[in-house]
Amino acid sequence: MTRAPAHLTLLPKPVAADVETRYPEPVAKTVALPRTALDHLDALYRVARSLTGRDDDAEELVQETYARAVAGWAQFTPGTNLRAWLFRILRNAFIDSYRRSRANPVEIGFDEEVTSGASSGREPLRSDGELERLRNLVTTDIETALASLSVDARTIILLDLEGLTERELADALGCAVGTVKSRLARARVILRERLRDYGS
């Protein structure tokens, strides 16, 4: 009997045709959100920008929202409101980051820069400099007033501005429609009072 040279490796005998070969199952399957989830990207960003006060933080919050949506896709009930579900995830992600920042000694919040229309890259509504200055003051007052609200009050105002129905607001906030009505009414009253304070 001849032996194979030491530097050669012998292949195992072929498996019989009737023996089934099993491969291990992948540990986790990749979940893809439906394309319709991207239809809400701009609205999510607008709300995130108003909640965080910064472009970078808003982008991170929206990315975190979609990451959580992918991870929790099994919990989404087909046929229910995808937009409200995404806003609920965004709200919860913001609250989580807000709580972490409060525990962190480094304060993160609204570091809004009051800029002129030219430096912000936006053209004045007209060529009237006074009108542009007033517009910036009003925008700053509204942002400051919004920032002074509680997270829940700010969220319900912003989602209402995005045009969510009362049912969608209830789904996004995880409460009853009646609760949404009273919370929204209270938040509007507080915002009006704050705007009166900032406007004076």
N, C-alpha and C. Protein backbone atom coordinates (compact mmCIF):
# COMPACT_ATOMS: atom_id res chain seq x y z
N MET A 1 0.86 -1.18 0.00
CA MET A 1 0.00 0.00 0.00
C MET A 1 0.89 1.22 0.00
N THR A 2 0.64 2.12 -0.95
CA THR A 2 1.46 3.32 -1.05
C THR A 2 0.86 4.40 -0.17
N ARG A 3 1.70 5.16 0.45
CA ARG A 3 1.24 6.24 1.34
C ARG A 3 1.40 7.57 0.62
N ALA A 4 0.50 8.52 0.92
CA ALA A 4 0.57 9.85 0.32
C ALA A 4 1.76 10.58 0.92
N PRO A 5 2.42 11.41 0.11
CA PRO A 5 3.53 12.20 0.64
C PRO A 5 3.06 13.05 1.82
N ALA A 6 3.95 13.37 2.74
CA ALA A 6 3.61 14.08 3.97
C ALA A 6 3.07 15.47 3.70
N HIS A 7 3.52 16.07 2.59
CA HIS A 7 3.09 17.45 2.34
C HIS A 7 1.70 17.53 1.69
N LEU A 8 1.10 16.42 1.36
CA LEU A 8 -0.24 16.40 0.77
C LEU A 8 -1.26 16.08 1.85
N THR A 9 -2.41 16.72 1.74
CA THR A 9 -3.50 16.46 2.67
C THR A 9 -4.56 15.66 1.96
N LEU A 10 -4.95 14.58 2.59
CA LEU A 10 -5.99 13.74 1.99
C LEU A 10 -7.36 14.33 2.27
N LEU A 11 -8.21 14.38 1.26
CA LEU A 11 -9.57 14.85 1.42
C LEU A 11 -10.42 13.77 2.05
N PRO A 12 -11.41 14.14 2.84
CA PRO A 12 -12.28 13.10 3.42
C PRO A 12 -13.09 12.42 2.33
N LYS A 13 -13.55 11.24 2.67
CA LYS A 13 -14.36 10.50 1.71
C LYS A 13 -15.64 11.29 1.44
N PRO A 14 -16.11 11.27 0.19
CA PRO A 14 -17.35 11.99 -0.11
C PRO A 14 -18.52 11.45 0.69
N VAL A 15 -19.42 12.35 1.05
CA VAL A 15 -20.60 11.95 1.84
C VAL A 15 -21.57 11.24 0.92
N ALA A 16 -22.19 10.21 1.43
CA ALA A 16 -23.16 9.46 0.63
C ALA A 16 -24.32 10.37 0.25
N ALA A 17 -24.91 10.10 -0.89
CA ALA A 17 -25.97 10.96 -1.44
C ALA A 17 -27.19 11.00 -0.54
N ASP A 18 -27.45 9.94 0.23
CA ASP A 18 -28.67 9.91 1.04
C ASP A 18 -28.49 10.56 2.42
N VAL A 19 -27.27 11.06 2.72
CA VAL A 19 -27.03 11.71 4.01
C VAL A 19 -27.26 13.22 3.84
N GLU A 20 -28.09 13.80 4.71
CA GLU A 20 -28.40 15.23 4.61
C GLU A 20 -27.34 16.05 5.32
N THR A 21 -26.84 17.07 4.63
CA THR A 21 -25.85 17.96 5.23
C THR A 21 -26.59 19.13 5.85
N ARG A 22 -26.31 19.44 7.13
CA ARG A 22 -26.98 20.54 7.82
C ARG A 22 -25.98 21.65 8.09
N TYR A 23 -26.42 22.87 7.81
CA TYR A 23 -25.61 24.04 8.08
C TYR A 23 -26.22 24.79 9.25
N PRO A 24 -25.39 25.44 10.05
CA PRO A 24 -25.96 26.16 11.20
C PRO A 24 -26.82 27.33 10.73
N GLU A 25 -27.90 27.58 11.50
CA GLU A 25 -28.78 28.72 11.20
C GLU A 25 -28.07 30.01 11.58
N PRO A 26 -28.29 31.09 10.84
CA PRO A 26 -27.69 32.36 11.25
C PRO A 26 -28.25 32.77 12.61
N VAL A 27 -27.41 33.43 13.41
CA VAL A 27 -27.81 33.79 14.76
C VAL A 27 -28.95 34.81 14.72
N ALA A 28 -28.83 35.84 13.88
CA ALA A 28 -29.88 36.84 13.79
C ALA A 28 -30.15 37.15 12.33
N LYS A 29 -31.41 37.28 12.01
CA LYS A 29 -31.76 37.62 10.64
C LYS A 29 -31.85 39.13 10.51
N THR A 30 -31.42 39.65 9.38
CA THR A 30 -31.49 41.08 9.14
C THR A 30 -32.93 41.46 8.81
N VAL A 31 -33.42 42.49 9.51
CA VAL A 31 -34.78 42.96 9.29
C VAL A 31 -34.70 44.24 8.47
N ALA A 32 -35.52 44.33 7.47
CA ALA A 32 -35.58 45.54 6.66
C ALA A 32 -36.92 46.21 6.89
N LEU A 33 -36.88 47.51 7.18
CA LEU A 33 -38.13 48.25 7.31
C LEU A 33 -38.75 48.43 5.94
N PRO A 34 -40.05 48.57 5.87
CA PRO A 34 -40.66 48.84 4.56
C PRO A 34 -40.23 50.21 4.07
N ARG A 35 -40.25 50.38 2.76
CA ARG A 35 -39.84 51.66 2.18
C ARG A 35 -40.69 52.81 2.67
N THR A 36 -41.92 52.53 3.04
CA THR A 36 -42.80 53.59 3.51
C THR A 36 -42.29 54.22 4.81
N ALA A 37 -41.43 53.53 5.54
CA ALA A 37 -40.86 54.10 6.76
C ALA A 37 -40.01 55.33 6.44
N LEU A 38 -39.41 55.35 5.26
CA LEU A 38 -38.58 56.50 4.86
C LEU A 38 -39.42 57.70 4.46
N ASP A 39 -40.71 57.49 4.19
CA ASP A 39 -41.59 58.61 3.84
C ASP A 39 -41.70 59.60 5.00
N HIS A 40 -41.42 59.16 6.21
CA HIS A 40 -41.58 60.00 7.40
C HIS A 40 -40.26 60.60 7.87
N LEU A 41 -39.20 60.43 7.11
CA LEU A 41 -37.88 60.90 7.50
C LEU A 41 -37.85 62.40 7.77
N ASP A 42 -38.39 63.20 6.86
CA ASP A 42 -38.35 64.66 7.02
C ASP A 42 -39.13 65.11 8.25
N ALA A 43 -40.31 64.52 8.45
CA ALA A 43 -41.12 64.89 9.61
C ALA A 43 -40.42 64.50 10.91
N LEU A 44 -39.81 63.33 10.93
CA LEU A 44 -39.06 62.90 12.11
C LEU A 44 -37.91 63.84 12.38
N TYR A 45 -37.22 64.27 11.32
CA TYR A 45 -36.09 65.18 11.50
C TYR A 45 -36.56 66.53 12.03
N ARG A 46 -37.67 67.05 11.50
CA ARG A 46 -38.16 68.35 11.97
C ARG A 46 -38.48 68.30 13.47
N VAL A 47 -39.16 67.25 13.89
CA VAL A 47 -39.49 67.12 15.31
C VAL A 47 -38.21 66.93 16.13
N ALA A 48 -37.31 66.10 15.65
CA ALA A 48 -36.05 65.87 16.36
C ALA A 48 -35.26 67.16 16.48
N ARG A 49 -35.25 67.97 15.42
CA ARG A 49 -34.51 69.24 15.44
C ARG A 49 -35.10 70.19 16.46
N SER A 50 -36.43 70.22 16.54
CA SER A 50 -37.08 71.09 17.52
C SER A 50 -36.89 70.58 18.95
N LEU A 51 -36.83 69.28 19.12
CA LEU A 51 -36.62 68.71 20.46
C LEU A 51 -35.19 68.94 20.94
N THR A 52 -34.23 68.71 20.06
CA THR A 52 -32.82 68.76 20.48
C THR A 52 -32.20 70.14 20.35
N GLY A 53 -32.65 70.91 19.37
CA GLY A 53 -32.09 72.24 19.17
C GLY A 53 -30.82 72.27 18.35
N ARG A 54 -30.36 71.13 17.89
CA ARG A 54 -29.11 71.07 17.11
C ARG A 54 -29.26 70.12 15.93
N ASP A 55 -28.65 70.49 14.82
CA ASP A 55 -28.74 69.64 13.62
C ASP A 55 -28.11 68.27 13.86
N ASP A 56 -26.88 68.25 14.44
CA ASP A 56 -26.18 66.97 14.65
C ASP A 56 -26.96 66.07 15.60
N ASP A 57 -27.47 66.65 16.68
CA ASP A 57 -28.23 65.85 17.65
C ASP A 57 -29.52 65.32 17.03
N ALA A 58 -30.13 66.15 16.17
CA ALA A 58 -31.36 65.71 15.50
C ALA A 58 -31.08 64.53 14.57
N GLU A 59 -29.98 64.61 13.83
CA GLU A 59 -29.61 63.51 12.93
C GLU A 59 -29.35 62.24 13.72
N GLU A 60 -28.65 62.36 14.85
CA GLU A 60 -28.38 61.19 15.69
C GLU A 60 -29.68 60.60 16.23
N LEU A 61 -30.60 61.49 16.63
CA LEU A 61 -31.87 61.02 17.18
C LEU A 61 -32.69 60.28 16.13
N VAL A 62 -32.69 60.78 14.91
CA VAL A 62 -33.43 60.11 13.83
C VAL A 62 -32.77 58.77 13.51
N GLN A 63 -31.43 58.73 13.47
CA GLN A 63 -30.73 57.45 13.24
C GLN A 63 -31.07 56.46 14.34
N GLU A 64 -31.07 56.93 15.58
CA GLU A 64 -31.42 56.05 16.71
C GLU A 64 -32.85 55.56 16.58
N THR A 65 -33.74 56.42 16.10
CA THR A 65 -35.14 56.04 15.91
C THR A 65 -35.25 54.89 14.91
N TYR A 66 -34.57 55.03 13.77
CA TYR A 66 -34.64 53.97 12.76
C TYR A 66 -33.93 52.70 13.24
N ALA A 67 -32.84 52.85 13.98
CA ALA A 67 -32.16 51.66 14.51
C ALA A 67 -33.07 50.91 15.47
N ARG A 68 -33.77 51.64 16.32
CA ARG A 68 -34.70 51.00 17.25
C ARG A 68 -35.89 50.39 16.50
N ALA A 69 -36.31 51.05 15.44
CA ALA A 69 -37.42 50.51 14.65
C ALA A 69 -37.04 49.18 14.01
N VAL A 70 -35.80 49.10 13.50
CA VAL A 70 -35.32 47.84 12.91
C VAL A 70 -35.26 46.76 13.99
N ALA A 71 -34.68 47.12 15.15
CA ALA A 71 -34.53 46.14 16.23
C ALA A 71 -35.88 45.68 16.77
N GLY A 72 -36.86 46.57 16.78
CA GLY A 72 -38.15 46.22 17.35
C GLY A 72 -39.24 45.95 16.34
N TRP A 73 -38.85 45.69 15.08
CA TRP A 73 -39.84 45.52 14.03
C TRP A 73 -40.83 44.40 14.33
N ALA A 74 -40.39 43.38 15.04
CA ALA A 74 -41.28 42.26 15.37
C ALA A 74 -42.44 42.73 16.25
N GLN A 75 -42.26 43.87 16.95
CA GLN A 75 -43.31 44.37 17.83
C GLN A 75 -44.34 45.22 17.09
N PHE A 76 -44.03 45.60 15.85
CA PHE A 76 -44.97 46.41 15.09
C PHE A 76 -46.11 45.54 14.57
N THR A 77 -47.33 46.01 14.75
CA THR A 77 -48.50 45.28 14.29
C THR A 77 -48.85 45.74 12.88
N PRO A 78 -48.72 44.84 11.88
CA PRO A 78 -49.06 45.23 10.51
C PRO A 78 -50.48 45.78 10.43
N GLY A 79 -50.65 46.83 9.64
CA GLY A 79 -51.95 47.44 9.48
C GLY A 79 -52.20 48.59 10.44
N THR A 80 -51.32 48.76 11.44
CA THR A 80 -51.46 49.89 12.35
C THR A 80 -50.66 51.06 11.81
N ASN A 81 -50.68 52.17 12.51
CA ASN A 81 -50.12 53.43 12.02
C ASN A 81 -48.60 53.45 12.17
N LEU A 82 -47.89 53.31 11.06
CA LEU A 82 -46.43 53.29 11.08
C LEU A 82 -45.87 54.64 11.50
N ARG A 83 -46.48 55.73 11.03
CA ARG A 83 -45.99 57.07 11.37
C ARG A 83 -46.05 57.32 12.87
N ALA A 84 -47.17 56.99 13.49
CA ALA A 84 -47.31 57.18 14.94
C ALA A 84 -46.32 56.30 15.69
N TRP A 85 -46.10 55.09 15.20
CA TRP A 85 -45.16 54.17 15.84
C TRP A 85 -43.74 54.74 15.79
N LEU A 86 -43.34 55.30 14.65
CA LEU A 86 -42.01 55.90 14.53
C LEU A 86 -41.86 57.12 15.43
N PHE A 87 -42.91 57.94 15.52
CA PHE A 87 -42.84 59.11 16.40
C PHE A 87 -42.76 58.69 17.87
N ARG A 88 -43.42 57.60 18.20
CA ARG A 88 -43.34 57.10 19.58
C ARG A 88 -41.91 56.66 19.89
N ILE A 89 -41.28 55.98 18.95
CA ILE A 89 -39.89 55.55 19.14
C ILE A 89 -38.98 56.77 19.28
N LEU A 90 -39.19 57.78 18.43
CA LEU A 90 -38.39 59.00 18.50
C LEU A 90 -38.55 59.68 19.85
N ARG A 91 -39.77 59.78 20.31
CA ARG A 91 -40.03 60.40 21.62
C ARG A 91 -39.31 59.64 22.73
N ASN A 92 -39.44 58.31 22.73
CA ASN A 92 -38.79 57.51 23.77
C ASN A 92 -37.27 57.62 23.70
N ALA A 93 -36.73 57.64 22.49
CA ALA A 93 -35.28 57.77 22.32
C ALA A 93 -34.81 59.13 22.84
N PHE A 94 -35.60 60.17 22.58
CA PHE A 94 -35.23 61.50 23.07
C PHE A 94 -35.28 61.55 24.59
N ILE A 95 -36.32 60.97 25.18
CA ILE A 95 -36.43 60.96 26.64
C ILE A 95 -35.26 60.21 27.25
N ASP A 96 -34.88 59.08 26.65
CA ASP A 96 -33.72 58.32 27.15
C ASP A 96 -32.45 59.16 27.11
N SER A 97 -32.22 59.85 25.98
CA SER A 97 -31.00 60.66 25.86
C SER A 97 -31.07 61.87 26.79
N TYR A 98 -32.26 62.41 26.98
CA TYR A 98 -32.44 63.55 27.89
C TYR A 98 -32.11 63.14 29.32
N ARG A 99 -32.58 61.97 29.73
CA ARG A 99 -32.28 61.48 31.09
C ARG A 99 -30.79 61.22 31.26
N ARG A 100 -30.16 60.65 30.21
CA ARG A 100 -28.71 60.42 30.29
C ARG A 100 -27.96 61.73 30.42
N SER A 101 -28.39 62.75 29.68
CA SER A 101 -27.69 64.04 29.73
C SER A 101 -27.88 64.72 31.08
N ARG A 102 -29.03 64.48 31.74
CA ARG A 102 -29.25 65.09 33.05
C ARG A 102 -28.38 64.41 34.10
N ALA A 103 -28.10 63.12 33.90
CA ALA A 103 -27.23 62.41 34.83
C ALA A 103 -25.77 62.76 34.58
N ASN A 104 -25.48 63.22 33.36
CA ASN A 104 -24.13 63.58 32.97
C ASN A 104 -23.86 65.02 33.40
N PRO A 105 -22.72 65.30 34.05
CA PRO A 105 -22.46 66.67 34.49
C PRO A 105 -22.30 67.66 33.34
N VAL A 106 -22.01 67.16 32.15
CA VAL A 106 -21.89 68.06 31.00
C VAL A 106 -23.29 68.38 30.50
N GLU A 107 -23.61 69.64 30.50
CA GLU A 107 -24.96 70.06 30.11
C GLU A 107 -25.07 70.14 28.60
N ILE A 108 -26.08 69.46 28.03
CA ILE A 108 -26.33 69.63 26.60
C ILE A 108 -27.75 70.14 26.45
N GLY A 109 -27.93 71.10 25.60
CA GLY A 109 -29.26 71.65 25.43
C GLY A 109 -29.27 72.63 24.29
N PHE A 110 -30.05 73.67 24.46
CA PHE A 110 -30.18 74.65 23.40
C PHE A 110 -29.03 75.64 23.48
N ASP A 111 -28.11 75.53 22.55
CA ASP A 111 -27.07 76.54 22.37
C ASP A 111 -27.37 77.22 21.07
N GLU A 112 -28.54 77.83 21.01
CA GLU A 112 -28.98 78.44 19.76
C GLU A 112 -28.18 79.69 19.49
N GLU A 113 -27.67 79.79 18.32
CA GLU A 113 -26.98 81.00 17.94
C GLU A 113 -27.99 81.91 17.25
N VAL A 114 -28.01 83.15 17.65
CA VAL A 114 -28.89 84.12 17.02
C VAL A 114 -28.10 84.74 15.89
N THR A 115 -28.46 84.38 14.67
CA THR A 115 -27.68 84.82 13.52
C THR A 115 -28.54 85.65 12.60
N SER A 116 -27.87 86.41 11.78
CA SER A 116 -28.60 87.17 10.78
C SER A 116 -28.92 86.25 9.63
N GLY A 117 -29.84 86.67 8.78
CA GLY A 117 -30.23 85.85 7.64
C GLY A 117 -29.08 85.55 6.73
N ALA A 118 -28.12 86.46 6.58
CA ALA A 118 -27.00 86.26 5.67
C ALA A 118 -26.09 85.15 6.16
N SER A 119 -25.79 85.16 7.48
CA SER A 119 -24.86 84.15 7.98
C SER A 119 -25.50 82.78 8.09
N SER A 120 -26.84 82.71 8.16
CA SER A 120 -27.49 81.40 8.24
C SER A 120 -27.68 80.78 6.87
N GLY A 121 -27.29 81.49 5.81
CA GLY A 121 -27.38 80.93 4.47
C GLY A 121 -28.77 81.05 3.87
N ARG A 122 -29.67 81.77 4.53
CA ARG A 122 -31.02 81.94 4.01
C ARG A 122 -31.19 83.36 3.51
N GLU A 123 -31.88 83.50 2.43
CA GLU A 123 -32.16 84.84 1.89
C GLU A 123 -33.32 85.44 2.68
N PRO A 124 -33.32 86.75 2.89
CA PRO A 124 -34.47 87.38 3.55
C PRO A 124 -35.74 87.14 2.75
N LEU A 125 -36.88 87.19 3.45
CA LEU A 125 -38.16 86.99 2.76
C LEU A 125 -38.32 88.02 1.65
N ARG A 126 -37.94 89.24 1.97
CA ARG A 126 -37.86 90.29 0.96
C ARG A 126 -36.50 90.93 1.16
N SER A 127 -36.24 92.03 0.49
CA SER A 127 -34.97 92.69 0.69
C SER A 127 -35.06 93.67 1.86
N ASP A 128 -35.99 93.43 2.76
CA ASP A 128 -36.21 94.31 3.89
C ASP A 128 -35.46 93.76 5.11
N GLY A 129 -34.38 94.43 5.51
CA GLY A 129 -33.57 93.96 6.63
C GLY A 129 -34.32 93.96 7.94
N GLU A 130 -35.19 94.93 8.14
CA GLU A 130 -35.96 95.01 9.38
C GLU A 130 -36.92 93.82 9.51
N LEU A 131 -37.56 93.45 8.40
CA LEU A 131 -38.46 92.31 8.39
C LEU A 131 -37.70 91.03 8.75
N GLU A 132 -36.50 90.89 8.20
CA GLU A 132 -35.69 89.70 8.49
C GLU A 132 -35.28 89.67 9.96
N ARG A 133 -34.93 90.83 10.51
CA ARG A 133 -34.54 90.90 11.93
C ARG A 133 -35.72 90.50 12.82
N LEU A 134 -36.91 90.98 12.48
CA LEU A 134 -38.09 90.63 13.26
C LEU A 134 -38.41 89.14 13.14
N ARG A 135 -38.24 88.60 11.94
CA ARG A 135 -38.50 87.17 11.74
C ARG A 135 -37.56 86.34 12.60
N ASN A 136 -36.29 86.73 12.68
CA ASN A 136 -35.32 86.01 13.50
C ASN A 136 -35.68 86.10 14.98
N LEU A 137 -36.14 87.28 15.40
CA LEU A 137 -36.53 87.44 16.81
C LEU A 137 -37.73 86.56 17.14
N VAL A 138 -38.71 86.51 16.26
CA VAL A 138 -39.91 85.68 16.49
C VAL A 138 -39.52 84.21 16.53
N THR A 139 -38.68 83.77 15.57
CA THR A 139 -38.24 82.37 15.53
C THR A 139 -37.50 82.01 16.81
N THR A 140 -36.61 82.90 17.25
CA THR A 140 -35.85 82.65 18.47
C THR A 140 -36.77 82.58 19.67
N ASP A 141 -37.75 83.49 19.75
CA ASP A 141 -38.71 83.47 20.87
C ASP A 141 -39.50 82.17 20.90
N ILE A 142 -39.94 81.71 19.72
CA ILE A 142 -40.72 80.46 19.66
C ILE A 142 -39.85 79.28 20.08
N GLU A 143 -38.62 79.22 19.56
CA GLU A 143 -37.72 78.12 19.92
C GLU A 143 -37.40 78.14 21.41
N THR A 144 -37.18 79.32 21.96
CA THR A 144 -36.88 79.43 23.39
C THR A 144 -38.08 79.01 24.23
N ALA A 145 -39.27 79.46 23.81
CA ALA A 145 -40.49 79.08 24.54
C ALA A 145 -40.71 77.58 24.48
N LEU A 146 -40.52 76.99 23.30
CA LEU A 146 -40.67 75.53 23.16
C LEU A 146 -39.67 74.80 24.04
N ALA A 147 -38.42 75.28 24.05
CA ALA A 147 -37.37 74.62 24.82
C ALA A 147 -37.66 74.67 26.31
N SER A 148 -38.44 75.66 26.74
CA SER A 148 -38.72 75.80 28.17
C SER A 148 -39.83 74.86 28.64
N LEU A 149 -40.54 74.23 27.69
CA LEU A 149 -41.61 73.29 28.06
C LEU A 149 -41.02 71.97 28.51
N SER A 150 -41.83 71.19 29.21
CA SER A 150 -41.40 69.83 29.56
C SER A 150 -41.27 69.01 28.28
N VAL A 151 -40.57 67.90 28.37
CA VAL A 151 -40.37 67.05 27.19
C VAL A 151 -41.71 66.61 26.61
N ASP A 152 -42.64 66.18 27.46
CA ASP A 152 -43.94 65.71 26.97
C ASP A 152 -44.74 66.84 26.33
N ALA A 153 -44.74 68.02 26.96
CA ALA A 153 -45.49 69.15 26.40
C ALA A 153 -44.89 69.58 25.06
N ARG A 154 -43.57 69.63 24.99
CA ARG A 154 -42.90 70.00 23.74
C ARG A 154 -43.20 68.98 22.65
N THR A 155 -43.16 67.70 23.01
CA THR A 155 -43.40 66.64 22.03
C THR A 155 -44.81 66.71 21.47
N ILE A 156 -45.80 66.90 22.34
CA ILE A 156 -47.19 66.90 21.85
C ILE A 156 -47.44 68.11 20.97
N ILE A 157 -46.85 69.26 21.30
CA ILE A 157 -46.99 70.45 20.45
C ILE A 157 -46.36 70.20 19.09
N LEU A 158 -45.15 69.64 19.08
CA LEU A 158 -44.44 69.42 17.81
C LEU A 158 -45.16 68.39 16.94
N LEU A 159 -45.67 67.33 17.55
CA LEU A 159 -46.39 66.32 16.77
C LEU A 159 -47.71 66.88 16.24
N ASP A 160 -48.34 67.74 17.03
CA ASP A 160 -49.56 68.39 16.56
C ASP A 160 -49.24 69.28 15.36
N LEU A 161 -48.13 70.00 15.42
CA LEU A 161 -47.72 70.84 14.30
C LEU A 161 -47.40 70.02 13.05
N GLU A 162 -47.00 68.76 13.25
CA GLU A 162 -46.74 67.87 12.11
C GLU A 162 -48.03 67.34 11.50
N GLY A 163 -49.16 67.66 12.10
CA GLY A 163 -50.43 67.29 11.51
C GLY A 163 -50.95 65.92 11.94
N LEU A 164 -50.42 65.36 13.01
CA LEU A 164 -50.94 64.08 13.48
C LEU A 164 -52.35 64.26 14.01
N THR A 165 -53.20 63.29 13.74
CA THR A 165 -54.56 63.32 14.27
C THR A 165 -54.51 63.00 15.77
N GLU A 166 -55.64 63.20 16.45
CA GLU A 166 -55.68 62.88 17.88
C GLU A 166 -55.41 61.40 18.12
N ARG A 167 -55.91 60.54 17.22
CA ARG A 167 -55.67 59.11 17.36
C ARG A 167 -54.18 58.79 17.17
N GLU A 168 -53.55 59.46 16.17
CA GLU A 168 -52.12 59.25 15.94
C GLU A 168 -51.29 59.78 17.12
N LEU A 169 -51.71 60.93 17.65
CA LEU A 169 -51.02 61.46 18.83
C LEU A 169 -51.12 60.48 20.00
N ALA A 170 -52.30 59.91 20.19
CA ALA A 170 -52.50 58.94 21.27
C ALA A 170 -51.59 57.72 21.06
N ASP A 171 -51.51 57.24 19.82
CA ASP A 171 -50.63 56.10 19.53
C ASP A 171 -49.16 56.46 19.75
N ALA A 172 -48.77 57.66 19.32
CA ALA A 172 -47.38 58.08 19.45
C ALA A 172 -46.98 58.28 20.90
N LEU A 173 -47.92 58.77 21.72
CA LEU A 173 -47.61 59.06 23.12
C LEU A 173 -47.98 57.92 24.06
N GLY A 174 -48.68 56.91 23.53
CA GLY A 174 -49.04 55.76 24.35
C GLY A 174 -50.08 56.07 25.41
N CYS A 175 -51.09 56.85 25.03
CA CYS A 175 -52.14 57.18 25.99
C CYS A 175 -53.49 57.24 25.28
N ALA A 176 -54.54 57.49 26.03
CA ALA A 176 -55.89 57.54 25.46
C ALA A 176 -56.11 58.87 24.74
N VAL A 177 -57.07 58.88 23.81
CA VAL A 177 -57.37 60.09 23.04
C VAL A 177 -57.81 61.22 23.97
N GLY A 178 -58.61 60.90 24.99
CA GLY A 178 -59.05 61.92 25.95
C GLY A 178 -57.87 62.56 26.67
N THR A 179 -56.88 61.75 27.00
CA THR A 179 -55.68 62.27 27.66
C THR A 179 -54.92 63.19 26.72
N VAL A 180 -54.86 62.82 25.44
CA VAL A 180 -54.19 63.65 24.45
C VAL A 180 -54.84 65.03 24.39
N LYS A 181 -56.18 65.06 24.36
CA LYS A 181 -56.89 66.34 24.28
C LYS A 181 -56.53 67.25 25.45
N SER A 182 -56.54 66.70 26.66
CA SER A 182 -56.25 67.54 27.83
C SER A 182 -54.77 67.94 27.86
N ARG A 183 -53.86 67.02 27.50
CA ARG A 183 -52.43 67.36 27.49
C ARG A 183 -52.13 68.42 26.45
N LEU A 184 -52.74 68.29 25.27
CA LEU A 184 -52.50 69.25 24.20
C LEU A 184 -53.05 70.62 24.59
N ALA A 185 -54.23 70.65 25.19
CA ALA A 185 -54.80 71.93 25.62
C ALA A 185 -53.91 72.60 26.66
N ARG A 186 -53.43 71.81 27.65
CA ARG A 186 -52.54 72.36 28.69
C ARG A 186 -51.24 72.87 28.08
N ALA A 187 -50.66 72.08 27.16
CA ALA A 187 -49.39 72.47 26.54
C ALA A 187 -49.54 73.76 25.74
N ARG A 188 -50.66 73.91 25.05
CA ARG A 188 -50.90 75.13 24.27
C ARG A 188 -51.03 76.35 25.18
N VAL A 189 -51.72 76.18 26.30
CA VAL A 189 -51.89 77.29 27.25
C VAL A 189 -50.51 77.72 27.79
N ILE A 190 -49.70 76.73 28.18
CA ILE A 190 -48.37 77.04 28.72
C ILE A 190 -47.51 77.71 27.66
N LEU A 191 -47.57 77.21 26.43
CA LEU A 191 -46.76 77.80 25.36
C LEU A 191 -47.19 79.24 25.10
N ARG A 192 -48.50 79.49 25.09
CA ARG A 192 -48.98 80.87 24.88
C ARG A 192 -48.47 81.79 25.98
N GLU A 193 -48.49 81.29 27.23
CA GLU A 193 -47.99 82.11 28.35
C GLU A 193 -46.50 82.39 28.20
N ARG A 194 -45.75 81.36 27.82
CA ARG A 194 -44.30 81.55 27.65
C ARG A 194 -44.00 82.53 26.52
N LEU A 195 -44.76 82.43 25.44
CA LEU A 195 -44.54 83.34 24.29
C LEU A 195 -44.88 84.77 24.70
N ARG A 196 -45.89 84.93 25.54
CA ARG A 196 -46.22 86.27 26.03
C ARG A 196 -45.06 86.81 26.86
N ASP A 197 -44.46 85.94 27.68
CA ASP A 197 -43.31 86.35 28.50
C ASP A 197 -42.13 86.75 27.63
N TYR A 198 -41.82 85.92 26.60
CA TYR A 198 -40.65 86.19 25.76
C TYR A 198 -40.89 87.37 24.84
N GLY A 199 -42.15 87.61 24.48
CA GLY A 199 -42.44 88.70 23.58
C GLY A 199 -42.40 90.06 24.25
N SER A 200 -42.51 90.07 25.60
CA SER A 200 -42.55 91.36 26.29
C SER A 200 -41.17 91.87 26.62
